[in-house]
Amino acid sequence: MIRKVIECSLTFFLAFLWGTLVGLTGMGGGALMTPALIFLGVEPVIAVGADLLYATVTRIFGVFFH
């Protein structure tokens, strides 16, 4: 139970950190998100797939709102 809480806390902290870095540098989120997911123990294939899904969804909303 405590291990899950620590893993969730670490995940939220890294998500906040990565979001801040992407916002400050303007660097693409995929360049930071995929290595972070791999660092957290996600298989590389799943990490790349999650990044592609995220990019697709954000681009759809970007097109819709512009």
PDB file of N, CA and C in Angstrom:
ATOM      1  N   MET A   1       0.827  -1.198   0.000  1.00  0.00           N
ATOM      2  CA  MET A   1       0.000   0.000   0.000  1.00  0.00           C
ATOM      3  C   MET A   1       0.871   1.262   0.000  1.00  0.00           C
ATOM      4  N   ILE A   2       1.856   1.293   0.891  1.00  0.00           N
ATOM      5  CA  ILE A   2       2.721   2.474   0.987  1.00  0.00           C
ATOM      6  C   ILE A   2       3.557   2.611  -0.289  1.00  0.00           C
ATOM      7  N   ARG A   3       3.962   1.473  -0.856  1.00  0.00           N
ATOM      8  CA  ARG A   3       4.747   1.520  -2.085  1.00  0.00           C
ATOM      9  C   ARG A   3       3.942   2.151  -3.218  1.00  0.00           C
ATOM     10  N   LYS A   4       2.651   1.826  -3.313  1.00  0.00           N
ATOM     11  CA  LYS A   4       1.795   2.422  -4.344  1.00  0.00           C
ATOM     12  C   LYS A   4       1.671   3.924  -4.153  1.00  0.00           C
ATOM     13  N   VAL A   5       1.553   4.371  -2.917  1.00  0.00           N
ATOM     14  CA  VAL A   5       1.447   5.804  -2.631  1.00  0.00           C
ATOM     15  C   VAL A   5       2.727   6.513  -3.050  1.00  0.00           C
ATOM     16  N   ILE A   6       3.857   5.909  -2.765  1.00  0.00           N
ATOM     17  CA  ILE A   6       5.143   6.503  -3.144  1.00  0.00           C
ATOM     18  C   ILE A   6       5.273   6.546  -4.663  1.00  0.00           C
ATOM     19  N   GLU A   7       4.884   5.463  -5.343  1.00  0.00           N
ATOM     20  CA  GLU A   7       4.961   5.448  -6.808  1.00  0.00           C
ATOM     21  C   GLU A   7       4.046   6.512  -7.420  1.00  0.00           C
ATOM     22  N   CYS A   8       2.840   6.649  -6.888  1.00  0.00           N
ATOM     23  CA  CYS A   8       1.910   7.670  -7.405  1.00  0.00           C
ATOM     24  C   CYS A   8       2.445   9.071  -7.150  1.00  0.00           C
ATOM     25  N   SER A   9       2.996   9.298  -5.975  1.00  0.00           N
ATOM     26  CA  SER A   9       3.554  10.610  -5.651  1.00  0.00           C
ATOM     27  C   SER A   9       4.721  10.946  -6.573  1.00  0.00           C
ATOM     28  N   LEU A  10       5.576   9.967  -6.816  1.00  0.00           N
ATOM     29  CA  LEU A  10       6.711  10.178  -7.720  1.00  0.00           C
ATOM     30  C   LEU A  10       6.230  10.460  -9.138  1.00  0.00           C
ATOM     31  N   THR A  11       5.208   9.739  -9.569  1.00  0.00           N
ATOM     32  CA  THR A  11       4.666   9.953 -10.913  1.00  0.00           C
ATOM     33  C   THR A  11       4.096  11.357 -11.053  1.00  0.00           C
ATOM     34  N   PHE A  12       3.319  11.813 -10.072  1.00  0.00           N
ATOM     35  CA  PHE A  12       2.753  13.161 -10.133  1.00  0.00           C
ATOM     36  C   PHE A  12       3.842  14.228 -10.087  1.00  0.00           C
ATOM     37  N   PHE A  13       4.857  14.018  -9.269  1.00  0.00           N
ATOM     38  CA  PHE A  13       5.961  14.969  -9.181  1.00  0.00           C
ATOM     39  C   PHE A  13       6.692  15.067 -10.519  1.00  0.00           C
ATOM     40  N   LEU A  14       6.989  13.910 -11.130  1.00  0.00           N
ATOM     41  CA  LEU A  14       7.682  13.930 -12.414  1.00  0.00           C
ATOM     42  C   LEU A  14       6.822  14.541 -13.513  1.00  0.00           C
ATOM     43  N   ALA A  15       5.518  14.292 -13.468  1.00  0.00           N
ATOM     44  CA  ALA A  15       4.623  14.900 -14.459  1.00  0.00           C
ATOM     45  C   ALA A  15       4.635  16.416 -14.324  1.00  0.00           C
ATOM     46  N   PHE A  16       4.613  16.907 -13.104  1.00  0.00           N
ATOM     47  CA  PHE A  16       4.680  18.348 -12.868  1.00  0.00           C
ATOM     48  C   PHE A  16       6.011  18.918 -13.340  1.00  0.00           C
ATOM     49  N   LEU A  17       7.088  18.218 -13.023  1.00  0.00           N
ATOM     50  CA  LEU A  17       8.419  18.657 -13.425  1.00  0.00           C
ATOM     51  C   LEU A  17       8.547  18.687 -14.948  1.00  0.00           C
ATOM     52  N   TRP A  18       8.098  17.630 -15.599  1.00  0.00           N
ATOM     53  CA  TRP A  18       8.192  17.581 -17.054  1.00  0.00           C
ATOM     54  C   TRP A  18       7.309  18.638 -17.700  1.00  0.00           C
ATOM     55  N   GLY A  19       6.128  18.840 -17.186  1.00  0.00           N
ATOM     56  CA  GLY A  19       5.250  19.886 -17.716  1.00  0.00           C
ATOM     57  C   GLY A  19       5.874  21.260 -17.584  1.00  0.00           C
ATOM     58  N   THR A  20       6.527  21.513 -16.462  1.00  0.00           N
ATOM     59  CA  THR A  20       7.202  22.789 -16.246  1.00  0.00           C
ATOM     60  C   THR A  20       8.362  22.959 -17.224  1.00  0.00           C
ATOM     61  N   LEU A  21       9.153  21.908 -17.405  1.00  0.00           N
ATOM     62  CA  LEU A  21      10.277  21.980 -18.336  1.00  0.00           C
ATOM     63  C   LEU A  21       9.810  22.214 -19.771  1.00  0.00           C
ATOM     64  N   VAL A  22       8.740  21.538 -20.176  1.00  0.00           N
ATOM     65  CA  VAL A  22       8.214  21.724 -21.529  1.00  0.00           C
ATOM     66  C   VAL A  22       7.698  23.151 -21.686  1.00  0.00           C
ATOM     67  N   GLY A  23       7.006  23.655 -20.674  1.00  0.00           N
ATOM     68  CA  GLY A  23       6.477  25.011 -20.742  1.00  0.00           C
ATOM     69  C   GLY A  23       7.565  26.071 -20.774  1.00  0.00           C
ATOM     70  N   LEU A  24       8.630  25.866 -20.032  1.00  0.00           N
ATOM     71  CA  LEU A  24       9.701  26.860 -19.977  1.00  0.00           C
ATOM     72  C   LEU A  24      10.602  26.837 -21.206  1.00  0.00           C
ATOM     73  N   THR A  25      10.838  25.645 -21.738  1.00  0.00           N
ATOM     74  CA  THR A  25      11.791  25.539 -22.842  1.00  0.00           C
ATOM     75  C   THR A  25      11.126  25.518 -24.211  1.00  0.00           C
ATOM     76  N   GLY A  26       9.851  25.179 -24.268  1.00  0.00           N
ATOM     77  CA  GLY A  26       9.177  25.054 -25.551  1.00  0.00           C
ATOM     78  C   GLY A  26       9.555  23.782 -26.279  1.00  0.00           C
ATOM     79  N   MET A  27      10.298  22.946 -25.613  1.00  0.00           N
ATOM     80  CA  MET A  27      10.731  21.678 -26.187  1.00  0.00           C
ATOM     81  C   MET A  27       9.538  20.738 -26.278  1.00  0.00           C
ATOM     82  N   GLY A  28       9.505  19.883 -27.272  1.00  0.00           N
ATOM     83  CA  GLY A  28       8.398  18.945 -27.415  1.00  0.00           C
ATOM     84  C   GLY A  28       8.288  18.013 -26.220  1.00  0.00           C
ATOM     85  N   GLY A  29       7.075  17.737 -25.816  1.00  0.00           N
ATOM     86  CA  GLY A  29       6.844  16.879 -24.658  1.00  0.00           C
ATOM     87  C   GLY A  29       7.356  15.464 -24.851  1.00  0.00           C
ATOM     88  N   GLY A  30       7.343  14.979 -26.089  1.00  0.00           N
ATOM     89  CA  GLY A  30       7.797  13.621 -26.353  1.00  0.00           C
ATOM     90  C   GLY A  30       9.267  13.422 -26.070  1.00  0.00           C
ATOM     91  N   ALA A  31      10.049  14.461 -26.255  1.00  0.00           N
ATOM     92  CA  ALA A  31      11.486  14.360 -25.998  1.00  0.00           C
ATOM     93  C   ALA A  31      11.766  14.190 -24.509  1.00  0.00           C
ATOM     94  N   LEU A  32      10.816  14.569 -23.688  1.00  0.00           N
ATOM     95  CA  LEU A  32      10.987  14.441 -22.242  1.00  0.00           C
ATOM     96  C   LEU A  32      10.119  13.337 -21.646  1.00  0.00           C
ATOM     97  N   MET A  33       8.906  13.159 -22.196  1.00  0.00           N
ATOM     98  CA  MET A  33       7.968  12.228 -21.588  1.00  0.00           C
ATOM     99  C   MET A  33       8.372  10.770 -21.786  1.00  0.00           C
ATOM    100  N   THR A  34       8.808  10.409 -22.980  1.00  0.00           N
ATOM    101  CA  THR A  34       9.165   9.014 -23.244  1.00  0.00           C
ATOM    102  C   THR A  34      10.316   8.538 -22.358  1.00  0.00           C
ATOM    103  N   PRO A  35      11.411   9.283 -22.240  1.00  0.00           N
ATOM    104  CA  PRO A  35      12.466   8.832 -21.320  1.00  0.00           C
ATOM    105  C   PRO A  35      12.006   8.777 -19.857  1.00  0.00           C
ATOM    106  N   ALA A  36      11.105   9.687 -19.486  1.00  0.00           N
ATOM    107  CA  ALA A  36      10.602   9.669 -18.107  1.00  0.00           C
ATOM    108  C   ALA A  36       9.790   8.407 -17.850  1.00  0.00           C
ATOM    109  N   LEU A  37       8.948   8.031 -18.796  1.00  0.00           N
ATOM    110  CA  LEU A  37       8.165   6.806 -18.628  1.00  0.00           C
ATOM    111  C   LEU A  37       9.063   5.579 -18.567  1.00  0.00           C
ATOM    112  N   ILE A  38      10.085   5.549 -19.410  1.00  0.00           N
ATOM    113  CA  ILE A  38      11.024   4.426 -19.378  1.00  0.00           C
ATOM    114  C   ILE A  38      11.758   4.396 -18.043  1.00  0.00           C
ATOM    115  N   PHE A  39      12.134   5.569 -17.537  1.00  0.00           N
ATOM    116  CA  PHE A  39      12.793   5.657 -16.232  1.00  0.00           C
ATOM    117  C   PHE A  39      11.895   5.119 -15.122  1.00  0.00           C
ATOM    118  N   LEU A  40      10.584   5.323 -15.252  1.00  0.00           N
ATOM    119  CA  LEU A  40       9.635   4.843 -14.236  1.00  0.00           C
ATOM    120  C   LEU A  40       9.344   3.351 -14.361  1.00  0.00           C
ATOM    121  N   GLY A  41       9.929   2.694 -15.363  1.00  0.00           N
ATOM    122  CA  GLY A  41       9.770   1.256 -15.488  1.00  0.00           C
ATOM    123  C   GLY A  41       8.761   0.811 -16.528  1.00  0.00           C
ATOM    124  N   VAL A  42       8.226   1.736 -17.306  1.00  0.00           N
ATOM    125  CA  VAL A  42       7.299   1.379 -18.373  1.00  0.00           C
ATOM    126  C   VAL A  42       8.108   0.816 -19.534  1.00  0.00           C
ATOM    127  N   GLU A  43       7.582  -0.229 -20.172  1.00  0.00           N
ATOM    128  CA  GLU A  43       8.279  -0.809 -21.314  1.00  0.00           C
ATOM    129  C   GLU A  43       8.403   0.235 -22.423  1.00  0.00           C
ATOM    130  N   PRO A  44       9.520   0.253 -23.144  1.00  0.00           N
ATOM    131  CA  PRO A  44       9.720   1.271 -24.188  1.00  0.00           C
ATOM    132  C   PRO A  44       8.616   1.319 -25.242  1.00  0.00           C
ATOM    133  N   VAL A  45       8.092   0.167 -25.631  1.00  0.00           N
ATOM    134  CA  VAL A  45       7.029   0.145 -26.641  1.00  0.00           C
ATOM    135  C   VAL A  45       5.776   0.849 -26.110  1.00  0.00           C
ATOM    136  N   ILE A  46       5.441   0.604 -24.868  1.00  0.00           N
ATOM    137  CA  ILE A  46       4.272   1.236 -24.245  1.00  0.00           C
ATOM    138  C   ILE A  46       4.521   2.731 -24.068  1.00  0.00           C
ATOM    139  N   ALA A  47       5.741   3.104 -23.683  1.00  0.00           N
ATOM    140  CA  ALA A  47       6.067   4.519 -23.489  1.00  0.00           C
ATOM    141  C   ALA A  47       5.944   5.299 -24.791  1.00  0.00           C
ATOM    142  N   VAL A  48       6.430   4.745 -25.881  1.00  0.00           N
ATOM    143  CA  VAL A  48       6.326   5.415 -27.184  1.00  0.00           C
ATOM    144  C   VAL A  48       4.873   5.496 -27.620  1.00  0.00           C
ATOM    145  N   GLY A  49       4.122   4.421 -27.424  1.00  0.00           N
ATOM    146  CA  GLY A  49       2.707   4.426 -27.778  1.00  0.00           C
ATOM    147  C   GLY A  49       1.915   5.456 -26.984  1.00  0.00           C
ATOM    148  N   ALA A  50       2.203   5.568 -25.685  1.00  0.00           N
ATOM    149  CA  ALA A  50       1.523   6.562 -24.854  1.00  0.00           C
ATOM    150  C   ALA A  50       1.864   7.970 -25.315  1.00  0.00           C
ATOM    151  N   ASP A  51       3.111   8.178 -25.691  1.00  0.00           N
ATOM    152  CA  ASP A  51       3.524   9.496 -26.180  1.00  0.00           C
ATOM    153  C   ASP A  51       2.827   9.842 -27.495  1.00  0.00           C
ATOM    154  N   LEU A  52       2.710   8.872 -28.386  1.00  0.00           N
ATOM    155  CA  LEU A  52       2.029   9.114 -29.659  1.00  0.00           C
ATOM    156  C   LEU A  52       0.540   9.398 -29.448  1.00  0.00           C
ATOM    157  N   LEU A  53      -0.079   8.687 -28.521  1.00  0.00           N
ATOM    158  CA  LEU A  53      -1.486   8.937 -28.215  1.00  0.00           C
ATOM    159  C   LEU A  53      -1.674  10.343 -27.655  1.00  0.00           C
ATOM    160  N   TYR A  54      -0.801  10.729 -26.733  1.00  0.00           N
ATOM    161  CA  TYR A  54      -0.869  12.069 -26.151  1.00  0.00           C
ATOM    162  C   TYR A  54      -0.694  13.139 -27.229  1.00  0.00           C
ATOM    163  N   ALA A  55       0.271  12.944 -28.114  1.00  0.00           N
ATOM    164  CA  ALA A  55       0.519  13.919 -29.180  1.00  0.00           C
ATOM    165  C   ALA A  55      -0.680  14.018 -30.116  1.00  0.00           C
ATOM    166  N   THR A  56      -1.293  12.894 -30.425  1.00  0.00           N
ATOM    167  CA  THR A  56      -2.454  12.902 -31.306  1.00  0.00           C
ATOM    168  C   THR A  56      -3.615  13.667 -30.688  1.00  0.00           C
ATOM    169  N   VAL A  57      -3.893  13.390 -29.428  1.00  0.00           N
ATOM    170  CA  VAL A  57      -5.018  14.054 -28.749  1.00  0.00           C
ATOM    171  C   VAL A  57      -4.770  15.557 -28.636  1.00  0.00           C
ATOM    172  N   THR A  58      -3.576  15.958 -28.264  1.00  0.00           N
ATOM    173  CA  THR A  58      -3.313  17.393 -28.122  1.00  0.00           C
ATOM    174  C   THR A  58      -3.362  18.106 -29.466  1.00  0.00           C
ATOM    175  N   ARG A  59      -2.930  17.455 -30.529  1.00  0.00           N
ATOM    176  CA  ARG A  59      -2.998  18.083 -31.853  1.00  0.00           C
ATOM    177  C   ARG A  59      -4.434  18.207 -32.346  1.00  0.00           C
ATOM    178  N   ILE A  60      -5.257  17.211 -32.037  1.00  0.00           N
ATOM    179  CA  ILE A  60      -6.673  17.297 -32.420  1.00  0.00           C
ATOM    180  C   ILE A  60      -7.325  18.500 -31.747  1.00  0.00           C
ATOM    181  N   PHE A  61      -7.079  18.670 -30.450  1.00  0.00           N
ATOM    182  CA  PHE A  61      -7.643  19.820 -29.742  1.00  0.00           C
ATOM    183  C   PHE A  61      -7.043  21.131 -30.251  1.00  0.00           C
ATOM    184  N   GLY A  62      -5.757  21.118 -30.599  1.00  0.00           N
ATOM    185  CA  GLY A  62      -5.126  22.319 -31.141  1.00  0.00           C
ATOM    186  C   GLY A  62      -5.753  22.738 -32.452  1.00  0.00           C
ATOM    187  N   VAL A  63      -6.016  21.788 -33.315  1.00  0.00           N
ATOM    188  CA  VAL A  63      -6.665  22.097 -34.599  1.00  0.00           C
ATOM    189  C   VAL A  63      -8.079  22.602 -34.358  1.00  0.00           C
ATOM    190  N   PHE A  64      -8.786  21.981 -33.442  1.00  0.00           N
ATOM    191  CA  PHE A  64     -10.161  22.357 -33.169  1.00  0.00           C
ATOM    192  C   PHE A  64     -10.259  23.790 -32.636  1.00  0.00           C
ATOM    193  N   PHE A  65      -9.367  24.170 -31.757  1.00  0.00           N
ATOM    194  CA  PHE A  65      -9.461  25.481 -31.131  1.00  0.00           C
ATOM    195  C   PHE A  65      -8.802  26.602 -31.955  1.00  0.00           C
ATOM    196  N   HIS A  66      -8.003  26.240 -32.939  1.00  0.00           N
ATOM    197  CA  HIS A  66      -7.404  27.275 -33.785  1.00  0.00           C
ATOM    198  C   HIS A  66      -8.244  27.434 -35.017  1.00  0.00           C
TER     199      HIS A  66
END
